[in-house]
Amino acid sequence: MLDIDPRVRVDVDSLMAAQHDLGVCDAIRRIAPGGKADAMSAPHPPKVAGIDPAVAAVPHTTAAAPPRTAAARAVPPAPGTLVQDRLAGMVSDLTTLHELTERLARTAGLESALREFVRAGAALVGARRGLIVLEPSDGLGPATTVGLGLGRAELGHIETVPRAATPYGRILDGLPDAHGGSEVLPRPDAAPGTGGHGAPVDPRHREVASRLGYAASYALPLTAEATGRLGAVVWLYDEQDEPSDRQRDLVGLYVRHAAEHLARVLDAERSRTSLATVAEELLPSRLPRVPGVELAARHHPSPRGGGDWYDALPLPEGALGLAVGSVTGSGPSAVAAMGRLRASLRAYAVMEGEDPVAVLSDLELLLRLTEPARCATALFAYCEPARRKIVLAGAGHAPPLVVGERRTEFVETSLSAPLGMLSCWEAPSVEFEPAPGETVLLYTDGLLRRTGDPMDRAYARLHAAAAGAPRAVRQDPGALCEHVLLTLLPAGDPAAAGAGAEEDVVLLGARFD
């Protein structure tokens, strides 16, 4: 970021600077903290097209000067004033860049950072539309295209142009002339095969440009020091135009610093994707087919990786074991602990699944001996689909929800501490019988926390969401899970919740015939 002291005193040989047409940096002899120069106290217009002034105008500290006569207005400004104005313009530009980089740093996620990057660059070069193509040179992805003022269909039209015929395509392909810069397309009545700056234009490029209504473009490579090429960005002009030298300098500085930030965001996105992939691989790849029951599951991992899990495994004599649980913490360690806990519960369920209390007791002993600093919640249900009989036990876990034609109610379970909290865990089991066509919903508390409401209100909202499901939805456990997610969570997106956005969401539905 850029820290600029607003109080600057400049000692300049104004006559020398004016005679030799020196720049500000050549003419400045000494810069030190001091009082404000009069010229710096006056407000300056925006220095970059499309950007509001980032520094508010400072009120005059001296008395207003009398109106100037026509003769006085004819006198050219002093050379020192020109230098001061040039320096004020530089300060304004640097402040603008500081504001834009701050906005980019405040974005959340890779896609929002790319959108902010394209928007800010378009404002700096005076364009209305643009797009960024993320295509890292290491081939590890992700590869994506984000547009500004361009819909999905318009981006599709642009992608039909041969890559070698576009400046950003040549950058991505690493061609010898892949320097980016301006490209002014010919007018519709121009001779075929001629383009801006004397360069030939591909007929398909001419056709797409005419259809989308842009006449010029300005492209730059997106490169980070540590990762190399990240992609390319191009801004589109409605008229035959190109950025000025000043705009090129500003956008070049912005792209250079923004690329380093985008490289860090890309690395974090890759880490989150890898962690989510590992978490998914530790969960069931498919649900078993057991006569008399239909299963469905939904899992939305948190961005940082959480320890929520579910399981469904066939047991001897046509029985079925259902389990959900949550391990404290987040990140790789929580994901690894979740995998170990789920594997251990499967083993205990095969050996003594008809006694859910014994299964959780063994699991608690294992957790206490192997990971004493960690605790977990879990719920295990032993189901006999032929008899529609369920025996379950829970350790600090949310109660299941039974959804049917005649009722929508929570199953009354005994209160119990989570696993690992007490020296010896044990709680009585609960037995109930779902009616034909009823669905039993098992879930983790991440579903409740992602609503952002207190727990009592979150439970009420979950009950209302399930009770309000249409009849056709109740007959399909997968559709019921989707209905609950769309109704309960903000905008129907598990990642859009506020207070609980870092929580996993797990839903496991079992509909009995």
Protein backbone atom coordinates (compact mmCIF):
# COMPACT_ATOMS: atom_id res chain seq x y z
CA MET A 1 0.00 0.00 0.00
CA LEU A 2 1.07 3.61 -0.44
CA ASP A 3 1.56 5.88 2.55
CA ILE A 4 1.78 9.53 1.57
CA ASP A 5 2.30 12.34 4.05
CA PRO A 6 -0.24 15.02 3.08
CA ARG A 7 2.05 17.71 4.46
CA VAL A 8 4.85 18.20 1.94
CA ARG A 9 7.11 21.20 1.42
CA VAL A 10 8.92 21.35 -1.89
CA ASP A 11 12.04 23.44 -2.59
CA VAL A 12 12.34 23.73 -6.37
CA ASP A 13 14.48 25.81 -8.70
CA SER A 14 11.40 26.82 -10.71
CA LEU A 15 13.22 28.82 -13.38
CA MET A 16 15.65 26.00 -14.09
CA ALA A 17 12.80 23.48 -14.31
CA ALA A 18 10.85 25.68 -16.69
CA GLN A 19 13.81 26.50 -18.94
CA HIS A 20 14.97 22.90 -19.33
CA ASP A 21 11.51 21.30 -19.19
CA LEU A 22 12.60 18.99 -16.38
CA GLY A 23 10.24 16.59 -14.66
CA VAL A 24 9.23 16.95 -11.05
CA CYS A 25 11.62 14.29 -9.85
CA ASP A 26 14.56 16.03 -11.65
CA ALA A 27 13.73 19.47 -10.35
CA ILE A 28 13.08 18.60 -6.69
CA ARG A 29 16.09 19.38 -4.52
CA ARG A 30 14.70 18.56 -1.13
CA ILE A 31 11.43 17.08 0.23
CA ALA A 32 10.86 17.34 3.97
CA PRO A 33 7.85 17.52 6.30
CA GLY A 34 6.64 21.04 6.58
CA GLY A 35 3.72 23.35 6.06
CA LYS A 36 1.31 23.11 3.12
CA ALA A 37 2.14 25.00 -0.04
CA ASP A 38 -0.55 27.38 -1.22
CA ALA A 39 -0.87 25.60 -4.53
CA MET A 40 -1.36 22.29 -2.76
CA SER A 41 -4.20 23.75 -0.68
CA ALA A 42 -6.39 24.32 -3.72
CA PRO A 43 -8.70 21.54 -4.91
CA HIS A 44 -7.64 19.65 -8.02
CA PRO A 45 -9.93 17.98 -10.55
CA PRO A 46 -9.85 14.19 -10.93
CA LYS A 47 -6.64 13.08 -12.58
CA VAL A 48 -7.95 9.78 -13.95
CA ALA A 49 -11.03 9.31 -16.10
CA GLY A 50 -13.81 7.44 -14.33
CA ILE A 51 -12.34 7.76 -10.80
CA ASP A 52 -13.74 10.09 -8.17
CA PRO A 53 -11.16 12.23 -6.36
CA ALA A 54 -9.81 10.15 -3.50
CA VAL A 55 -8.65 13.20 -1.48
CA ALA A 56 -11.28 15.67 -0.34
CA ALA A 57 -10.74 19.31 -1.19
CA VAL A 58 -8.96 21.26 1.56
CA PRO A 59 -10.53 24.64 2.43
CA HIS A 60 -8.45 27.76 1.86
CA THR A 61 -6.56 28.93 4.94
CA THR A 62 -5.97 32.47 3.69
CA ALA A 63 -8.32 35.26 2.74
CA ALA A 64 -9.83 35.13 -0.72
CA ALA A 65 -7.88 37.11 -3.32
CA PRO A 66 -9.63 40.02 -5.10
CA PRO A 67 -10.94 39.39 -8.61
CA ARG A 68 -8.20 39.36 -11.22
CA THR A 69 -8.25 41.89 -14.03
CA ALA A 70 -8.10 40.95 -17.69
CA ALA A 71 -4.48 42.04 -17.85
CA ALA A 72 -3.62 39.89 -14.84
CA ARG A 73 -5.41 36.89 -16.35
CA ALA A 74 -3.31 37.25 -19.51
CA VAL A 75 -0.08 36.75 -17.56
CA PRO A 76 1.08 33.09 -17.74
CA PRO A 77 1.47 31.26 -14.44
CA ALA A 78 4.84 31.24 -12.77
CA PRO A 79 7.14 28.28 -13.50
CA GLY A 80 7.02 27.25 -9.85
CA THR A 81 3.23 26.95 -10.02
CA LEU A 82 3.51 24.55 -12.97
CA VAL A 83 5.85 22.31 -11.04
CA GLN A 84 3.62 22.40 -7.98
CA ASP A 85 0.60 21.47 -10.09
CA ARG A 86 2.54 18.58 -11.61
CA LEU A 87 3.48 17.36 -8.16
CA ALA A 88 -0.13 17.70 -6.99
CA GLY A 89 -1.23 15.59 -9.94
CA MET A 90 1.27 12.90 -8.99
CA VAL A 91 -0.01 12.87 -5.41
CA SER A 92 -3.58 12.58 -6.69
CA ASP A 93 -2.64 9.65 -8.94
CA LEU A 94 -0.82 7.84 -6.16
CA THR A 95 -3.76 8.34 -3.84
CA THR A 96 -6.07 6.91 -6.50
CA LEU A 97 -3.85 3.84 -6.84
CA HIS A 98 -3.82 3.47 -3.07
CA GLU A 99 -7.63 3.48 -2.97
CA LEU A 100 -7.89 0.92 -5.78
CA THR A 101 -5.41 -1.47 -4.20
CA GLU A 102 -7.27 -1.15 -0.88
CA ARG A 103 -10.51 -2.13 -2.59
CA LEU A 104 -8.83 -5.11 -4.20
CA ALA A 105 -7.38 -6.24 -0.86
CA ARG A 106 -10.84 -6.12 0.73
CA THR A 107 -12.38 -8.55 -1.76
CA ALA A 108 -13.30 -12.05 -0.60
CA GLY A 109 -12.49 -14.93 -2.90
CA LEU A 110 -10.82 -15.26 -6.26
CA GLU A 111 -13.78 -14.38 -8.49
CA SER A 112 -14.65 -11.18 -6.62
CA ALA A 113 -10.97 -10.14 -6.75
CA LEU A 114 -10.88 -10.68 -10.51
CA ARG A 115 -14.06 -8.63 -11.00
CA GLU A 116 -12.69 -5.76 -8.91
CA PHE A 117 -9.41 -5.90 -10.83
CA VAL A 118 -11.13 -5.60 -14.23
CA ARG A 119 -13.42 -2.83 -12.97
CA ALA A 120 -10.59 -0.74 -11.55
CA GLY A 121 -8.43 -1.17 -14.65
CA ALA A 122 -11.31 -0.11 -16.91
CA ALA A 123 -11.69 3.07 -14.90
CA LEU A 124 -7.97 3.80 -15.16
CA VAL A 125 -7.80 3.41 -18.95
CA GLY A 126 -11.20 5.03 -19.61
CA ALA A 127 -12.91 1.92 -20.99
CA ARG A 128 -16.44 0.64 -20.35
CA ARG A 129 -15.99 -3.10 -20.85
CA GLY A 130 -13.28 -5.68 -20.43
CA LEU A 131 -12.39 -9.21 -19.50
CA ILE A 132 -9.66 -11.11 -17.70
CA VAL A 133 -8.60 -14.63 -18.67
CA LEU A 134 -7.00 -16.51 -15.79
CA GLU A 135 -4.78 -19.22 -17.21
CA PRO A 136 -1.72 -19.85 -14.99
CA SER A 137 1.39 -20.97 -16.85
CA ASP A 138 2.02 -23.84 -14.39
CA GLY A 139 -1.14 -25.57 -15.64
CA LEU A 140 -2.48 -26.16 -12.13
CA GLY A 141 -5.54 -23.96 -12.69
CA PRO A 142 -8.08 -22.79 -12.12
CA ALA A 143 -8.75 -21.50 -15.63
CA THR A 144 -11.59 -19.02 -15.80
CA THR A 145 -12.79 -15.93 -17.67
CA VAL A 146 -14.42 -12.98 -15.91
CA GLY A 147 -16.04 -10.17 -17.87
CA LEU A 148 -17.01 -6.57 -17.13
CA GLY A 149 -20.10 -5.40 -19.01
CA LEU A 150 -20.10 -8.65 -21.00
CA GLY A 151 -22.65 -11.41 -20.57
CA ARG A 152 -21.96 -15.09 -20.89
CA ALA A 153 -23.11 -15.14 -24.51
CA GLU A 154 -20.86 -12.20 -25.39
CA LEU A 155 -17.87 -13.87 -23.76
CA GLY A 156 -18.71 -16.96 -25.80
CA HIS A 157 -18.61 -14.90 -29.01
CA ILE A 158 -15.18 -13.51 -28.09
CA GLU A 159 -13.88 -16.99 -27.38
CA THR A 160 -14.76 -18.04 -30.94
CA VAL A 161 -12.07 -15.71 -32.28
CA PRO A 162 -8.78 -17.57 -32.90
CA ARG A 163 -6.46 -16.90 -29.98
CA ALA A 164 -3.62 -15.78 -32.23
CA ALA A 165 -5.88 -13.07 -33.68
CA THR A 166 -6.39 -11.28 -30.34
CA PRO A 167 -3.77 -9.41 -28.29
CA TYR A 168 -4.67 -11.21 -25.06
CA GLY A 169 -4.64 -14.55 -26.88
CA ARG A 170 -1.10 -13.93 -28.10
CA ILE A 171 -0.10 -13.13 -24.53
CA LEU A 172 -1.58 -16.41 -23.27
CA ASP A 173 0.10 -18.42 -26.02
CA GLY A 174 3.46 -16.74 -25.41
CA LEU A 175 3.91 -15.64 -29.04
CA PRO A 176 6.94 -13.47 -29.92
CA ASP A 177 4.84 -10.31 -30.35
CA ALA A 178 2.90 -10.91 -27.13
CA HIS A 179 3.52 -7.51 -25.61
CA GLY A 180 -0.08 -6.41 -25.26
CA GLY A 181 -0.83 -2.76 -25.77
CA SER A 182 -3.39 -1.03 -27.95
CA GLU A 183 -5.19 -2.46 -30.94
CA VAL A 184 -7.45 -0.18 -32.97
CA LEU A 185 -9.78 -2.17 -35.20
CA PRO A 186 -10.69 -0.91 -38.67
CA ARG A 187 -13.97 0.77 -39.44
CA PRO A 188 -16.61 -1.35 -41.15
CA ASP A 189 -15.96 0.41 -44.46
CA ALA A 190 -12.17 -0.11 -44.29
CA ALA A 191 -10.37 -2.31 -46.77
CA PRO A 192 -10.34 -6.01 -45.80
CA GLY A 193 -7.21 -7.28 -44.10
CA THR A 194 -6.17 -3.92 -42.61
CA GLY A 195 -6.41 -2.97 -38.96
CA GLY A 196 -5.21 -0.52 -36.40
CA HIS A 197 -1.55 0.47 -36.59
CA GLY A 198 -1.33 -1.26 -39.93
CA ALA A 199 -1.85 -4.73 -38.47
CA PRO A 200 -4.04 -7.25 -40.31
CA VAL A 201 -7.29 -8.24 -38.63
CA ASP A 202 -8.72 -11.74 -38.70
CA PRO A 203 -12.15 -11.77 -40.42
CA ARG A 204 -13.71 -13.54 -37.45
CA HIS A 205 -12.28 -10.91 -35.11
CA ARG A 206 -13.74 -8.16 -37.28
CA GLU A 207 -17.14 -9.89 -37.26
CA VAL A 208 -17.25 -10.35 -33.47
CA ALA A 209 -16.07 -6.79 -32.83
CA SER A 210 -18.81 -5.47 -35.10
CA ARG A 211 -21.46 -7.62 -33.41
CA LEU A 212 -20.44 -6.61 -29.87
CA GLY A 213 -19.84 -2.98 -30.80
CA TYR A 214 -16.22 -2.38 -29.79
CA ALA A 215 -13.68 -0.64 -32.00
CA ALA A 216 -10.43 -0.82 -30.02
CA SER A 217 -8.83 -2.71 -27.16
CA TYR A 218 -5.96 -2.41 -24.72
CA ALA A 219 -4.41 -5.63 -23.38
CA LEU A 220 -1.77 -6.33 -20.74
CA PRO A 221 -0.17 -9.52 -19.43
CA LEU A 222 -0.85 -10.50 -15.82
CA THR A 223 2.42 -11.71 -14.33
CA ALA A 224 3.58 -12.29 -10.76
CA GLU A 225 7.18 -12.55 -9.67
CA ALA A 226 6.82 -15.87 -7.83
CA THR A 227 4.38 -17.71 -10.10
CA GLY A 228 5.08 -16.28 -13.55
CA ARG A 229 2.25 -15.70 -15.99
CA LEU A 230 -1.23 -15.76 -14.45
CA GLY A 231 -3.20 -14.73 -17.52
CA ALA A 232 -4.09 -11.65 -19.53
CA VAL A 233 -6.51 -8.76 -19.28
CA VAL A 234 -8.07 -6.70 -22.07
CA TRP A 235 -10.30 -3.63 -21.96
CA LEU A 236 -12.63 -2.77 -24.85
CA TYR A 237 -13.39 0.70 -26.23
CA ASP A 238 -16.66 1.55 -27.94
CA GLU A 239 -14.85 4.02 -30.21
CA GLN A 240 -11.46 3.97 -31.92
CA ASP A 241 -9.51 5.13 -28.91
CA GLU A 242 -6.55 4.17 -26.77
CA PRO A 243 -5.25 5.18 -23.34
CA SER A 244 -2.98 8.17 -22.99
CA ASP A 245 0.60 7.84 -21.83
CA ARG A 246 -0.43 8.86 -18.34
CA GLN A 247 -3.21 6.28 -18.24
CA ARG A 248 -0.78 3.60 -19.47
CA ASP A 249 1.62 4.42 -16.65
CA LEU A 250 -1.12 4.32 -14.02
CA VAL A 251 -2.69 1.07 -15.17
CA GLY A 252 0.76 -0.48 -15.52
CA LEU A 253 1.54 0.30 -11.87
CA TYR A 254 -1.84 -1.00 -10.77
CA VAL A 255 -1.55 -4.24 -12.75
CA ARG A 256 1.95 -4.88 -11.44
CA HIS A 257 0.91 -4.61 -7.78
CA ALA A 258 -2.50 -6.22 -8.27
CA ALA A 259 -0.92 -9.27 -9.94
CA GLU A 260 1.04 -10.04 -6.77
CA HIS A 261 -2.15 -9.91 -4.71
CA LEU A 262 -4.02 -12.08 -7.20
CA ALA A 263 -1.19 -14.63 -7.07
CA ARG A 264 -1.65 -14.93 -3.31
CA VAL A 265 -5.43 -15.23 -3.67
CA LEU A 266 -4.94 -17.90 -6.33
CA ASP A 267 -2.65 -19.87 -4.04
CA ALA A 268 -5.21 -19.70 -1.22
CA GLU A 269 -7.96 -20.80 -3.61
CA ARG A 270 -5.91 -23.80 -4.69
CA SER A 271 -5.34 -24.77 -1.06
CA ARG A 272 -9.06 -24.56 -0.30
CA THR A 273 -9.90 -26.62 -3.36
CA SER A 274 -7.37 -29.30 -2.45
CA LEU A 275 -8.67 -29.46 1.11
CA ALA A 276 -12.26 -29.73 -0.08
CA THR A 277 -11.26 -32.53 -2.44
CA VAL A 278 -9.59 -34.46 0.38
CA ALA A 279 -12.65 -33.98 2.61
CA GLU A 280 -14.96 -35.28 -0.13
CA GLU A 281 -12.74 -38.31 -0.69
CA LEU A 282 -12.98 -39.18 3.01
CA LEU A 283 -16.79 -39.28 2.79
CA PRO A 284 -18.81 -42.02 1.07
CA SER A 285 -18.39 -41.96 -2.69
CA ARG A 286 -21.90 -43.41 -3.04
CA LEU A 287 -24.73 -44.37 -0.72
CA PRO A 288 -25.66 -48.06 -0.34
CA ARG A 289 -28.85 -49.57 -1.77
CA VAL A 290 -30.83 -51.22 1.02
CA PRO A 291 -34.35 -52.60 0.43
CA GLY A 292 -37.06 -50.62 2.17
CA VAL A 293 -35.21 -47.32 2.45
CA GLU A 294 -34.09 -44.56 0.05
CA LEU A 295 -31.06 -42.43 0.96
CA ALA A 296 -29.79 -38.99 -0.07
CA ALA A 297 -27.01 -36.75 1.28
CA ARG A 298 -25.77 -33.19 0.80
CA HIS A 299 -22.39 -31.89 1.94
CA HIS A 300 -21.18 -28.29 1.57
CA PRO A 301 -17.68 -27.90 3.05
CA SER A 302 -16.57 -24.64 4.59
CA PRO A 303 -13.91 -22.55 2.80
CA ARG A 304 -11.33 -23.38 5.47
CA GLY A 305 -12.16 -27.09 5.63
CA GLY A 306 -14.23 -28.48 8.47
CA GLY A 307 -14.75 -31.73 10.31
CA ASP A 308 -18.43 -32.51 9.60
CA TRP A 309 -19.16 -35.94 8.16
CA TYR A 310 -21.86 -38.48 7.44
CA ASP A 311 -21.98 -42.19 6.75
CA ALA A 312 -24.38 -44.95 5.72
CA LEU A 313 -23.31 -48.57 5.75
CA PRO A 314 -25.18 -51.83 5.27
CA LEU A 315 -25.10 -54.17 8.29
CA PRO A 316 -25.86 -57.90 8.69
CA GLU A 317 -29.43 -59.19 8.43
CA GLY A 318 -30.59 -56.36 6.18
CA ALA A 319 -29.92 -53.65 8.76
CA LEU A 320 -28.55 -50.17 8.02
CA GLY A 321 -26.30 -47.89 10.04
CA LEU A 322 -26.67 -44.11 9.70
CA ALA A 323 -24.23 -41.67 11.28
CA VAL A 324 -23.45 -37.96 11.29
CA GLY A 325 -20.84 -36.14 13.32
CA SER A 326 -18.66 -33.09 13.69
CA VAL A 327 -15.07 -32.68 14.87
CA THR A 328 -14.03 -29.43 16.53
CA GLY A 329 -11.72 -27.11 14.67
CA SER A 330 -11.09 -26.45 11.01
CA GLY A 331 -8.37 -26.87 8.45
CA PRO A 332 -6.31 -29.93 7.47
CA SER A 333 -6.03 -31.25 11.02
CA ALA A 334 -9.82 -31.27 11.50
CA VAL A 335 -10.31 -32.99 8.14
CA ALA A 336 -7.77 -35.67 9.05
CA ALA A 337 -9.38 -36.21 12.48
CA MET A 338 -12.77 -36.51 10.80
CA GLY A 339 -11.45 -39.26 8.54
CA ARG A 340 -10.02 -41.21 11.47
CA LEU A 341 -13.20 -40.86 13.53
CA ARG A 342 -15.47 -41.94 10.68
CA ALA A 343 -13.32 -45.00 9.91
CA SER A 344 -13.33 -46.02 13.58
CA LEU A 345 -17.10 -45.67 13.87
CA ARG A 346 -17.60 -47.88 10.82
CA ALA A 347 -15.54 -50.63 12.48
CA TYR A 348 -17.45 -50.38 15.76
CA ALA A 349 -20.79 -50.32 13.90
CA VAL A 350 -19.99 -53.58 12.10
CA MET A 351 -19.07 -55.29 15.38
CA GLU A 352 -21.85 -53.98 17.65
CA GLY A 353 -24.10 -51.77 15.56
CA GLU A 354 -27.33 -53.04 17.14
CA ASP A 355 -26.26 -51.21 20.31
CA PRO A 356 -25.66 -47.55 19.39
CA VAL A 357 -24.64 -46.70 22.97
CA ALA A 358 -21.81 -49.25 22.82
CA VAL A 359 -20.68 -47.88 19.45
CA LEU A 360 -20.40 -44.32 20.75
CA SER A 361 -18.82 -45.48 24.03
CA ASP A 362 -16.03 -47.21 22.12
CA LEU A 363 -15.62 -44.16 19.91
CA GLU A 364 -15.36 -41.88 22.94
CA LEU A 365 -12.71 -44.09 24.54
CA LEU A 366 -10.66 -44.06 21.34
CA LEU A 367 -10.91 -40.29 21.02
CA ARG A 368 -9.94 -39.71 24.64
CA LEU A 369 -6.89 -41.99 24.39
CA THR A 370 -5.58 -40.97 20.96
CA GLU A 371 -6.61 -37.29 20.73
CA PRO A 372 -7.20 -35.96 24.24
CA ALA A 373 -7.15 -32.33 23.10
CA ARG A 374 -10.04 -32.77 20.67
CA CYS A 375 -13.76 -33.33 21.13
CA ALA A 376 -16.53 -34.26 18.73
CA THR A 377 -20.27 -34.70 18.44
CA ALA A 378 -21.80 -37.78 16.86
CA LEU A 379 -25.12 -39.52 16.28
CA PHE A 380 -25.47 -43.17 15.31
CA ALA A 381 -28.75 -44.86 14.31
CA TYR A 382 -29.29 -48.59 13.86
CA CYS A 383 -32.13 -49.06 11.36
CA GLU A 384 -34.19 -52.15 10.49
CA PRO A 385 -35.97 -51.06 7.28
CA ALA A 386 -38.17 -54.18 7.13
CA ARG A 387 -39.67 -53.37 10.54
CA ARG A 388 -39.27 -49.56 10.15
CA LYS A 389 -37.51 -49.54 13.50
CA ILE A 390 -34.72 -47.12 14.48
CA VAL A 391 -32.56 -47.19 17.62
CA LEU A 392 -30.24 -44.22 17.99
CA ALA A 393 -27.88 -42.59 20.45
CA GLY A 394 -26.36 -39.13 20.32
CA ALA A 395 -23.37 -37.46 21.94
CA GLY A 396 -23.98 -33.73 22.06
CA HIS A 397 -25.56 -33.83 18.62
CA ALA A 398 -28.65 -32.14 17.18
CA PRO A 399 -31.81 -34.34 17.22
CA PRO A 400 -33.10 -35.87 13.96
CA LEU A 401 -36.16 -34.44 12.25
CA VAL A 402 -38.99 -36.70 11.06
CA VAL A 403 -40.87 -35.33 8.02
CA GLY A 404 -44.06 -36.99 6.75
CA GLU A 405 -47.58 -36.37 5.51
CA ARG A 406 -49.07 -36.11 9.00
CA ARG A 407 -46.21 -34.78 11.10
CA THR A 408 -42.96 -32.82 11.13
CA GLU A 409 -41.26 -33.13 14.50
CA PHE A 410 -37.92 -33.54 16.18
CA VAL A 411 -37.06 -36.87 17.77
CA GLU A 412 -36.71 -36.58 21.52
CA THR A 413 -33.19 -37.69 22.43
CA SER A 414 -31.44 -37.75 25.80
CA LEU A 415 -29.16 -34.84 26.67
CA SER A 416 -25.50 -35.80 26.53
CA ALA A 417 -22.10 -34.15 26.44
CA PRO A 418 -19.96 -34.38 23.29
CA LEU A 419 -17.34 -37.11 22.99
CA GLY A 420 -14.13 -36.30 24.78
CA MET A 421 -15.70 -33.91 27.28
CA LEU A 422 -16.24 -36.40 30.14
CA SER A 423 -14.00 -39.08 31.62
CA CYS A 424 -16.60 -41.70 30.72
CA TRP A 425 -19.43 -41.13 28.25
CA GLU A 426 -22.71 -43.03 28.35
CA ALA A 427 -26.30 -42.06 27.62
CA PRO A 428 -29.49 -44.07 27.04
CA SER A 429 -30.60 -44.84 23.50
CA VAL A 430 -33.93 -43.85 21.94
CA GLU A 431 -36.19 -46.08 19.85
CA PHE A 432 -38.91 -44.92 17.43
CA GLU A 433 -40.73 -46.12 14.32
CA PRO A 434 -41.20 -43.88 11.28
CA ALA A 435 -44.45 -44.29 9.39
CA PRO A 436 -44.47 -45.45 5.75
CA GLY A 437 -43.36 -42.59 3.49
CA GLU A 438 -41.72 -40.59 6.27
CA THR A 439 -38.18 -39.24 5.94
CA VAL A 440 -35.71 -38.98 8.80
CA LEU A 441 -33.31 -36.04 8.41
CA LEU A 442 -29.93 -36.20 10.16
CA TYR A 443 -27.81 -33.05 10.06
CA THR A 444 -24.89 -31.31 11.74
CA ASP A 445 -25.13 -28.08 13.69
CA GLY A 446 -23.34 -26.29 10.85
CA LEU A 447 -26.69 -26.18 9.07
CA LEU A 448 -28.12 -24.26 12.01
CA ARG A 449 -25.13 -21.99 12.53
CA ARG A 450 -24.97 -20.90 8.90
CA THR A 451 -28.37 -19.26 9.27
CA GLY A 452 -26.75 -16.65 11.51
CA ASP A 453 -29.64 -16.92 13.99
CA PRO A 454 -29.62 -18.00 17.65
CA MET A 455 -29.95 -21.76 18.00
CA ASP A 456 -33.59 -21.74 19.18
CA ARG A 457 -34.66 -19.64 16.21
CA ALA A 458 -32.51 -21.76 13.86
CA TYR A 459 -34.31 -24.90 15.05
CA ALA A 460 -37.67 -23.20 14.45
CA ARG A 461 -36.63 -22.17 10.95
CA LEU A 462 -35.47 -25.71 10.16
CA HIS A 463 -38.81 -27.11 11.33
CA ALA A 464 -40.74 -24.55 9.28
CA ALA A 465 -38.64 -25.24 6.16
CA ALA A 466 -39.29 -28.98 6.36
CA ALA A 467 -42.98 -28.57 7.24
CA GLY A 468 -43.49 -26.26 4.25
CA ALA A 469 -42.12 -28.73 1.72
CA PRO A 470 -44.65 -29.62 -1.03
CA ARG A 471 -46.03 -33.14 -1.11
CA ALA A 472 -44.00 -34.15 -4.16
CA VAL A 473 -40.81 -32.95 -2.46
CA ARG A 474 -41.52 -35.00 0.67
CA GLN A 475 -41.55 -38.18 -1.42
CA ASP A 476 -37.94 -37.70 -2.55
CA PRO A 477 -35.23 -37.40 0.17
CA GLY A 478 -32.84 -35.66 -2.22
CA ALA A 479 -35.44 -33.06 -3.19
CA LEU A 480 -36.30 -32.59 0.49
CA CYS A 481 -32.65 -31.90 1.35
CA GLU A 482 -32.41 -29.36 -1.46
CA HIS A 483 -35.65 -27.71 -0.37
CA VAL A 484 -34.37 -27.33 3.19
CA LEU A 485 -31.09 -25.80 1.99
CA LEU A 486 -32.79 -23.37 -0.40
CA THR A 487 -35.34 -22.31 2.23
CA LEU A 488 -33.16 -22.16 5.30
CA LEU A 489 -29.94 -20.55 4.12
CA PRO A 490 -29.50 -17.00 2.75
CA ALA A 491 -30.07 -16.83 -1.01
CA GLY A 492 -30.17 -20.62 -1.05
CA ASP A 493 -26.36 -20.65 -1.05
CA PRO A 494 -24.58 -22.26 1.90
CA ALA A 495 -21.58 -20.00 1.29
CA ALA A 496 -23.68 -16.82 1.48
CA ALA A 497 -24.45 -16.93 5.19
CA GLY A 498 -22.94 -14.31 7.42
CA ALA A 499 -22.14 -15.38 10.97
CA GLY A 500 -21.67 -19.09 10.23
CA ALA A 501 -20.02 -18.92 6.82
CA GLU A 502 -17.05 -20.97 8.07
CA GLU A 503 -19.22 -23.95 9.08
CA ASP A 504 -19.69 -27.21 7.21
CA VAL A 505 -23.20 -28.26 6.19
CA VAL A 506 -24.22 -31.93 6.22
CA LEU A 507 -27.69 -33.34 5.50
CA LEU A 508 -28.50 -37.05 5.39
CA GLY A 509 -32.06 -38.13 4.54
CA ALA A 510 -33.54 -41.62 4.81
CA ARG A 511 -37.09 -42.22 3.49
CA PHE A 512 -38.73 -45.46 4.61
CA ASP A 513 -41.21 -47.32 2.41
